[in-house]
Amino acid sequence: MVERPDLTVELGRGLRLRSPVMVASGTFGYGFEAPQVDRAALGAIVSKGTTLRAREGNAPIRIAETPSGMLNAIGLQNPGVDHVARVYAPQWATWDLPVIVNVAGDSVEEYVAVARRLDGVAGVAALELNISCPNVQSGLQFGVDPAMAAEVTRAVRAATELPLIVKLTPNVTDIVAIARAVEDAGADAVSAINTYVGMSIDVRRRRPVVSRGSGGLSGPAIKPLALHAVWQVAAEVHIPVIGVGGIMTPNDALEFLLAGAAAVQLGTVNYIRPQAAAEIHDGIAGYMVQHGLAGIRGLQIRPTSVLTNV
């Protein structure tokens, strides 16, 4: 019987997590805003999206609740990469878990400049390349085309020795083609998925609820869709897949791990139950003990093997 399962995860280039449970970009700030969260349950923190220069983001209203979900159109509000490197990173360097910086840009050159500024900075454990943000004007341009996704991935890979994760958009016809393209271009892992494009209309005022009109839909409403995306991608790439989208409970996280994810990220649930990370971490560990699984890899089943047994 397994009494203490090994929950560690390897995501490439020496990025080792003590737990498969991470918090998703944009839902945890830069890690300072949620002191009530038990960081011991986390494998890593993924920072808010960071750009070359500071951004104010979109005008209010920027967040709206929807049935079983949430729309956000924050617009990548952030203090800019220089501030992150000078002010935040030295504090991260004193923490006992890695911080992965989510990187965004309007051009290949901007992505590269941000990556170069963060390369070798103590406290920055890895980069998550955001080519999939649906709530800024140019947020999806790189994520919907395999050639462009590969171009920006290849350029950033050449600019940094840090582990490189690419965050995929679900707003495409063929997410597997994008995943393969970034894998071939040098990505060490992929996050699947970012939010879906959605909207909500205020019928009393007869206008969209969020100021930008549309925004990114997250939360339980998208979980079955996100799970299917992970199922597809994990069967076709040879790099780790991080499952993201509507995870609220230990069972939700286990579904993603069983579908082929190496780790998971928690997003919307952080606003509802800050203690969810610890609950999900403990739930995964308990399931592994119950089923005699010594390590996270024992949870993973390839989609092809499952279909064969149907």
Foldseek 3Di string as FASTA:
>chain_A
DADFFQQWFDFDLPLIFSHLEEADAPFCAQVPPCPVFDCVLHREYEHHEAWAAADQFDDPPAWDDDVQWIFGQRGRGDHHLVCCLPPVQVVLLPDPHAYEYEYEDQDLVGSLVSLLSCAPRRRHQAYEYQCAFPNHDRNPVQQADLVSVLVSLLSNVVRHSHQYEYEHEPPYPDRQSNLVSSVVSPHQEYEFHWFDKDWDADPVVGATNGPSGIGGIAALVCLVVSLVSLLVNQQRDDGAYEGEGHDQALVSQLSSLQSRHSHYHHHPNCVVDVHRSVRNSVSVRVVCVVVVHRYSNVSYDRSVVVVVVD
